[in-house]
Amino acid sequence: MIESAAGSLDPTLDLFSEIDRLRKDMNAVILAHFYQEPDIQDIADIIGDSLALSQRAAQTEADVIVFAGVHFMAETAKILNPDKQVLLPDLEAGCSLADGCPPDEFASFLADYPDHKVVSYINCSAETKAMSDVICTSSNAVKIVDSFPADQPLVFAPDQYLGDWVARSLDRPMVLWPGSCEVHEMFNEKKLVELKITHPDARVTAHPECPEAVLQHADHVGSTSSILAFARQSDARQIIVVTEPGIIHQMQKENPDKEFIPAPGNDETCNCNECPYMRMNTLEKLYLCMRDRTPEIIVDSALAEAALTPITRMLELSR
């Protein structure tokens, strides 16, 4: 039985039908990231990566946005829709990248690079976004960085591995904030090589938040949407997936004749390749947040206005 602030839920409650009813009653849209649990992906109106979800959040005509993802995603949706209610199933669903770039420390860091423009990965707080010239996602990071003149020095934050991959892709040095995703950093080169030996015909697709030592063994490196496209287009019958395994649900639905093998993290005794923040959202919490219209995302209006400029710049460059 599921406990809530309002008491306990009837275990026989059909959560799928109740969420669908609430969605219609509230004129709500449910946005879900590929790393969410399968049930949430299946009931969502829109499933996507950070770029696609930001684009759809900017376009929606719904009165309420229910964001099944992590805090920075819902916060971005609120910045793009200040007059709409934005709900997040679990307010504690954060992000190690955002947490690892405290605004005051980032401001001090930037003070050492006064002539640099700032490109920040969307996995950061509104405060960090407000200190940036443009936001990027893993889908468009190369394009965003390449939009600056070659002689313009850049700071890239908060993911050093994504920044390093972009820098190598463009042969363009950048100053990197020393942050990383606690999930993607757990992928291990030795274990990946062992997995490739066990499955010699498998192709490897990896997210650019992984360390370079891991990425060098990948046949394809890209965002979650790019990984899905690779799975559709590849003629391989087995694909090793080096990112959060929640994406395998969509990969398997689109390619039932292929086998998808999740790469292990460093510690085989735990689900270290699963994002603990993404998995804080559940179907029950999704229902409760819609029923009770809480937790709601609130962003200070002045901060939202400052953060909106670099987000809008990203959306313009991504058309």
Protein backbone atom coordinates (compact mmCIF):
# COMPACT_ATOMS: atom_id res chain seq x y z
CA MET A 1 0.00 0.00 0.00
CA ILE A 2 1.34 3.44 -0.92
CA GLU A 3 1.48 6.11 1.75
CA SER A 4 0.86 9.76 0.92
CA ALA A 5 0.34 12.99 2.80
CA ALA A 6 -3.39 12.49 2.32
CA GLY A 7 -3.39 8.94 3.71
CA SER A 8 -2.99 5.65 1.89
CA LEU A 9 -3.85 4.75 -1.66
CA ASP A 10 -6.19 1.92 -2.47
CA PRO A 11 -3.89 -0.80 -3.88
CA THR A 12 -6.59 -1.72 -6.40
CA LEU A 13 -6.60 1.78 -7.89
CA ASP A 14 -5.97 1.77 -11.64
CA LEU A 15 -3.24 4.38 -11.75
CA PHE A 16 -3.09 4.47 -15.54
CA SER A 17 -6.78 5.36 -15.88
CA GLU A 18 -6.64 7.79 -12.95
CA ILE A 19 -3.64 9.63 -14.41
CA ASP A 20 -5.36 9.77 -17.77
CA ARG A 21 -8.51 11.20 -16.13
CA LEU A 22 -6.51 13.84 -14.26
CA ARG A 23 -4.60 14.74 -17.39
CA LYS A 24 -7.84 15.56 -19.17
CA ASP A 25 -9.44 17.33 -16.20
CA MET A 26 -6.36 19.53 -15.66
CA ASN A 27 -5.55 20.07 -19.33
CA ALA A 28 -2.10 18.74 -18.47
CA VAL A 29 0.74 17.41 -20.59
CA ILE A 30 3.06 14.75 -19.20
CA LEU A 31 6.66 15.03 -20.35
CA ALA A 32 9.01 12.14 -19.60
CA HIS A 33 12.70 11.58 -20.14
CA PHE A 34 14.01 8.34 -21.65
CA TYR A 35 15.57 7.45 -18.29
CA GLN A 36 12.22 7.17 -16.50
CA GLU A 37 10.77 3.81 -15.51
CA PRO A 38 8.83 1.99 -18.30
CA ASP A 39 5.35 2.65 -16.85
CA ILE A 40 5.96 6.40 -16.82
CA GLN A 41 7.33 6.34 -20.36
CA ASP A 42 4.27 4.44 -21.53
CA ILE A 43 1.75 6.89 -20.03
CA ALA A 44 3.59 10.09 -21.01
CA ASP A 45 2.32 12.33 -23.79
CA ILE A 46 5.85 13.12 -24.92
CA ILE A 47 9.05 11.14 -24.38
CA GLY A 48 12.36 12.67 -25.30
CA ASP A 49 15.83 13.86 -24.46
CA SER A 50 16.52 17.21 -22.80
CA LEU A 51 16.47 19.15 -26.06
CA ALA A 52 13.22 17.66 -27.37
CA LEU A 53 11.51 18.09 -24.00
CA SER A 54 12.64 21.72 -23.77
CA GLN A 55 11.33 22.36 -27.27
CA ARG A 56 7.98 20.75 -26.51
CA ALA A 57 7.71 22.58 -23.17
CA ALA A 58 8.18 25.86 -25.04
CA GLN A 59 5.43 24.96 -27.50
CA THR A 60 2.76 23.39 -25.28
CA GLU A 61 -0.70 24.88 -24.93
CA ALA A 62 -1.48 22.79 -21.84
CA ASP A 63 -2.33 24.59 -18.62
CA VAL A 64 -0.23 22.24 -16.49
CA ILE A 65 3.13 20.64 -17.29
CA VAL A 66 3.86 17.45 -15.36
CA PHE A 67 7.56 16.74 -15.78
CA ALA A 68 8.63 13.17 -15.15
CA GLY A 69 12.34 13.82 -15.01
CA VAL A 70 14.66 15.64 -12.65
CA HIS A 71 14.56 19.07 -11.05
CA PHE A 72 16.59 21.05 -13.60
CA MET A 73 14.30 19.79 -16.40
CA ALA A 74 11.12 20.90 -14.62
CA GLU A 75 12.82 24.16 -13.67
CA THR A 76 13.67 24.80 -17.34
CA ALA A 77 10.05 24.12 -18.28
CA LYS A 78 8.91 26.66 -15.67
CA ILE A 79 11.35 29.27 -16.97
CA LEU A 80 9.92 28.76 -20.45
CA ASN A 81 6.33 28.87 -19.11
CA PRO A 82 6.18 31.33 -16.20
CA ASP A 83 2.39 31.48 -16.31
CA LYS A 84 1.84 27.70 -16.29
CA GLN A 85 1.86 25.34 -13.35
CA VAL A 86 4.79 22.92 -13.50
CA LEU A 87 4.72 19.80 -11.33
CA LEU A 88 7.51 17.33 -10.50
CA PRO A 89 6.57 13.95 -8.99
CA ASP A 90 9.47 14.06 -6.49
CA LEU A 91 11.06 17.38 -5.57
CA GLU A 92 14.20 15.56 -4.40
CA ALA A 93 14.89 14.22 -7.91
CA GLY A 94 18.01 16.25 -8.52
CA CYS A 95 21.18 15.83 -10.59
CA SER A 96 24.80 15.31 -9.58
CA LEU A 97 25.93 17.65 -12.35
CA ALA A 98 23.70 20.48 -11.14
CA ASP A 99 24.64 19.83 -7.51
CA GLY A 100 28.33 19.76 -8.42
CA CYS A 101 28.27 23.30 -9.80
CA PRO A 102 27.27 25.58 -6.88
CA PRO A 103 26.41 29.07 -8.20
CA ASP A 104 28.77 30.93 -5.88
CA GLU A 105 31.71 28.69 -6.77
CA PHE A 106 30.87 28.93 -10.46
CA ALA A 107 30.78 32.74 -10.25
CA SER A 108 34.24 32.74 -8.66
CA PHE A 109 35.48 30.36 -11.35
CA LEU A 110 34.18 32.60 -14.14
CA ALA A 111 35.87 35.64 -12.60
CA ASP A 112 39.19 34.13 -13.71
CA TYR A 113 38.02 34.07 -17.35
CA PRO A 114 36.51 37.52 -18.02
CA ASP A 115 37.04 37.32 -21.80
CA HIS A 116 35.37 33.92 -22.17
CA LYS A 117 31.84 33.21 -23.30
CA VAL A 118 30.03 30.59 -21.25
CA VAL A 119 28.34 27.49 -22.67
CA SER A 120 26.47 25.53 -20.02
CA TYR A 121 25.00 22.08 -20.36
CA ILE A 122 21.31 22.08 -19.54
CA ASN A 123 22.03 19.80 -16.56
CA CYS A 124 22.56 22.76 -14.23
CA SER A 125 20.63 25.07 -11.94
CA ALA A 126 18.76 28.18 -13.01
CA GLU A 127 21.46 30.23 -11.27
CA THR A 128 24.18 28.64 -13.43
CA LYS A 129 22.08 29.14 -16.53
CA ALA A 130 21.71 32.82 -15.67
CA MET A 131 25.51 33.18 -15.70
CA SER A 132 25.77 31.59 -19.15
CA ASP A 133 25.70 32.98 -22.67
CA VAL A 134 23.97 29.95 -24.12
CA ILE A 135 22.70 26.57 -22.95
CA CYS A 136 23.28 23.30 -24.78
CA THR A 137 22.23 19.67 -24.54
CA SER A 138 24.14 16.57 -25.61
CA SER A 139 22.08 16.65 -28.82
CA ASN A 140 23.29 20.08 -29.90
CA ALA A 141 26.48 20.73 -27.90
CA VAL A 142 28.77 20.47 -30.93
CA LYS A 143 26.54 22.81 -32.96
CA ILE A 144 26.23 25.32 -30.11
CA VAL A 145 29.98 25.49 -29.46
CA ASP A 146 30.71 25.69 -33.17
CA SER A 147 28.39 28.70 -33.46
CA PHE A 148 31.02 30.87 -31.75
CA PRO A 149 33.88 32.37 -33.79
CA ALA A 150 36.99 30.18 -33.71
CA ASP A 151 38.98 32.84 -31.84
CA GLN A 152 36.37 33.26 -29.09
CA PRO A 153 37.61 31.60 -25.86
CA LEU A 154 34.95 29.50 -24.13
CA VAL A 155 34.15 28.08 -20.74
CA PHE A 156 32.12 24.86 -20.81
CA ALA A 157 30.21 23.69 -17.73
CA PRO A 158 29.30 21.66 -15.79
CA ASP A 159 30.18 18.31 -17.47
CA GLN A 160 33.89 17.97 -18.16
CA TYR A 161 33.47 14.74 -20.15
CA LEU A 162 30.84 16.14 -22.49
CA GLY A 163 32.95 19.29 -22.83
CA ASP A 164 36.06 17.23 -23.59
CA TRP A 165 34.18 15.20 -26.22
CA VAL A 166 32.93 18.39 -27.90
CA ALA A 167 36.42 19.93 -27.78
CA ARG A 168 37.92 16.84 -29.40
CA SER A 169 35.13 16.65 -31.99
CA LEU A 170 35.78 20.24 -33.07
CA ASP A 171 39.52 20.34 -32.32
CA ARG A 172 38.74 23.36 -30.19
CA PRO A 173 40.15 23.84 -26.68
CA MET A 174 37.81 25.05 -23.97
CA VAL A 175 38.10 25.74 -20.25
CA LEU A 176 36.13 22.97 -18.53
CA TRP A 177 34.39 23.12 -15.17
CA PRO A 178 35.46 19.90 -13.34
CA GLY A 179 32.03 18.30 -13.01
CA SER A 180 30.67 14.90 -14.01
CA CYS A 181 27.56 12.73 -13.97
CA GLU A 182 27.83 10.21 -11.16
CA VAL A 183 26.11 7.56 -13.29
CA HIS A 184 28.09 7.92 -16.53
CA GLU A 185 31.34 8.28 -14.63
CA MET A 186 30.73 4.80 -13.19
CA PHE A 187 31.07 3.07 -16.55
CA ASN A 188 34.35 1.18 -16.61
CA GLU A 189 36.67 0.69 -19.60
CA LYS A 190 37.84 -2.75 -18.48
CA LYS A 191 34.31 -4.06 -17.95
CA LEU A 192 33.21 -2.66 -21.31
CA VAL A 193 36.10 -4.38 -23.10
CA GLU A 194 35.21 -7.64 -21.34
CA LEU A 195 31.61 -7.23 -22.48
CA LYS A 196 32.75 -6.66 -26.07
CA ILE A 197 34.84 -9.83 -25.93
CA THR A 198 31.82 -11.77 -24.67
CA HIS A 199 29.68 -10.32 -27.48
CA PRO A 200 32.11 -9.92 -30.41
CA ASP A 201 29.41 -9.06 -32.95
CA ALA A 202 27.77 -6.38 -30.82
CA ARG A 203 28.02 -2.68 -31.59
CA VAL A 204 28.59 -0.18 -28.78
CA THR A 205 26.66 3.05 -28.39
CA ALA A 206 27.57 5.47 -25.60
CA HIS A 207 26.54 8.82 -24.17
CA PRO A 208 29.18 11.61 -24.30
CA GLU A 209 28.90 12.12 -20.53
CA CYS A 210 31.10 9.01 -20.24
CA PRO A 211 34.89 9.36 -19.73
CA GLU A 212 37.07 9.34 -22.85
CA ALA A 213 38.53 5.94 -21.93
CA VAL A 214 35.04 4.46 -22.32
CA LEU A 215 34.03 6.48 -25.39
CA GLN A 216 37.05 5.30 -27.38
CA HIS A 217 35.51 1.82 -27.52
CA ALA A 218 32.14 3.03 -28.85
CA ASP A 219 30.95 2.63 -32.43
CA HIS A 220 28.58 5.53 -31.84
CA VAL A 221 28.62 8.41 -29.35
CA GLY A 222 25.57 10.61 -28.97
CA SER A 223 22.61 11.87 -26.96
CA THR A 224 19.75 9.60 -25.95
CA SER A 225 17.78 10.49 -29.09
CA SER A 226 20.89 9.83 -31.18
CA ILE A 227 21.39 6.48 -29.44
CA LEU A 228 17.81 5.54 -30.32
CA ALA A 229 18.39 6.49 -33.95
CA PHE A 230 21.57 4.42 -34.03
CA ALA A 231 19.67 1.41 -32.70
CA ARG A 232 17.06 1.77 -35.45
CA GLN A 233 19.61 2.18 -38.24
CA SER A 234 22.25 -0.33 -37.18
CA ASP A 235 22.26 -3.75 -38.81
CA ALA A 236 23.76 -5.26 -35.65
CA ARG A 237 21.55 -7.75 -33.81
CA GLN A 238 23.22 -6.98 -30.48
CA ILE A 239 23.93 -3.50 -29.16
CA ILE A 240 25.79 -2.68 -25.96
CA VAL A 241 24.25 0.40 -24.34
CA VAL A 242 26.56 2.66 -22.31
CA THR A 243 24.12 5.05 -20.70
CA GLU A 244 21.31 4.94 -18.14
CA PRO A 245 19.43 1.69 -18.95
CA GLY A 246 15.97 3.28 -18.81
CA ILE A 247 16.43 4.05 -22.51
CA ILE A 248 16.44 0.33 -23.33
CA HIS A 249 12.65 0.27 -22.87
CA GLN A 250 12.18 2.47 -25.92
CA MET A 251 15.00 0.76 -27.84
CA GLN A 252 13.35 -2.63 -27.32
CA LYS A 253 9.88 -1.33 -28.27
CA GLU A 254 11.25 0.10 -31.52
CA ASN A 255 13.49 -2.90 -32.29
CA PRO A 256 11.91 -6.09 -30.91
CA ASP A 257 14.22 -8.25 -33.01
CA LYS A 258 17.42 -6.86 -31.47
CA GLU A 259 19.12 -7.53 -28.15
CA PHE A 260 20.22 -4.59 -26.01
CA ILE A 261 22.89 -5.22 -23.41
CA PRO A 262 23.32 -2.66 -20.62
CA ALA A 263 26.94 -1.91 -19.78
CA PRO A 264 27.71 -2.52 -16.09
CA GLY A 265 28.95 0.09 -13.66
CA ASN A 266 32.05 -0.28 -11.51
CA ASP A 267 30.27 -2.17 -8.75
CA GLU A 268 28.43 -5.31 -9.88
CA THR A 269 26.66 -5.55 -6.50
CA CYS A 270 24.51 -2.49 -7.17
CA ASN A 271 22.54 -0.89 -9.99
CA CYS A 272 25.24 1.74 -10.41
CA ASN A 273 24.31 2.31 -14.05
CA GLU A 274 20.83 3.52 -13.00
CA CYS A 275 20.32 7.19 -12.16
CA PRO A 276 19.10 7.29 -8.55
CA TYR A 277 17.46 10.67 -9.17
CA MET A 278 15.51 9.66 -12.27
CA ARG A 279 14.32 6.54 -10.46
CA MET A 280 12.90 8.58 -7.57
CA ASN A 281 9.86 9.22 -9.77
CA THR A 282 7.29 6.44 -9.75
CA LEU A 283 3.87 5.95 -11.26
CA GLU A 284 2.36 6.39 -7.78
CA LYS A 285 4.18 9.70 -7.23
CA LEU A 286 3.13 10.85 -10.69
CA TYR A 287 -0.51 10.21 -9.78
CA LEU A 288 -0.20 11.90 -6.37
CA CYS A 289 1.46 15.02 -7.73
CA MET A 290 -1.35 15.40 -10.27
CA ARG A 291 -4.07 14.65 -7.74
CA ASP A 292 -2.66 17.09 -5.16
CA ARG A 293 -1.02 19.54 -7.62
CA THR A 294 2.20 19.40 -5.66
CA PRO A 295 5.22 19.48 -5.60
CA GLU A 296 5.10 22.58 -7.76
CA ILE A 297 8.20 24.20 -9.29
CA ILE A 298 8.57 27.87 -8.42
CA VAL A 299 11.35 30.06 -9.86
CA ASP A 300 12.07 33.64 -8.80
CA SER A 301 10.90 35.92 -11.61
CA ALA A 302 14.15 37.89 -11.89
CA LEU A 303 16.21 34.70 -11.95
CA ALA A 304 13.86 33.14 -14.49
CA GLU A 305 14.18 36.16 -16.76
CA ALA A 306 17.99 36.01 -16.61
CA ALA A 307 18.06 32.26 -17.27
CA LEU A 308 15.55 32.51 -20.12
CA THR A 309 17.95 34.42 -22.39
CA PRO A 310 20.56 31.64 -22.80
CA ILE A 311 17.83 28.98 -23.02
CA THR A 312 16.09 30.92 -25.79
CA ARG A 313 19.42 31.30 -27.56
CA MET A 314 19.81 27.52 -27.50
CA LEU A 315 16.33 26.96 -28.93
CA GLU A 316 16.99 29.48 -31.71
CA LEU A 317 20.28 27.79 -32.66
CA SER A 318 18.58 24.37 -32.60
CA ARG A 319 15.90 25.10 -35.17
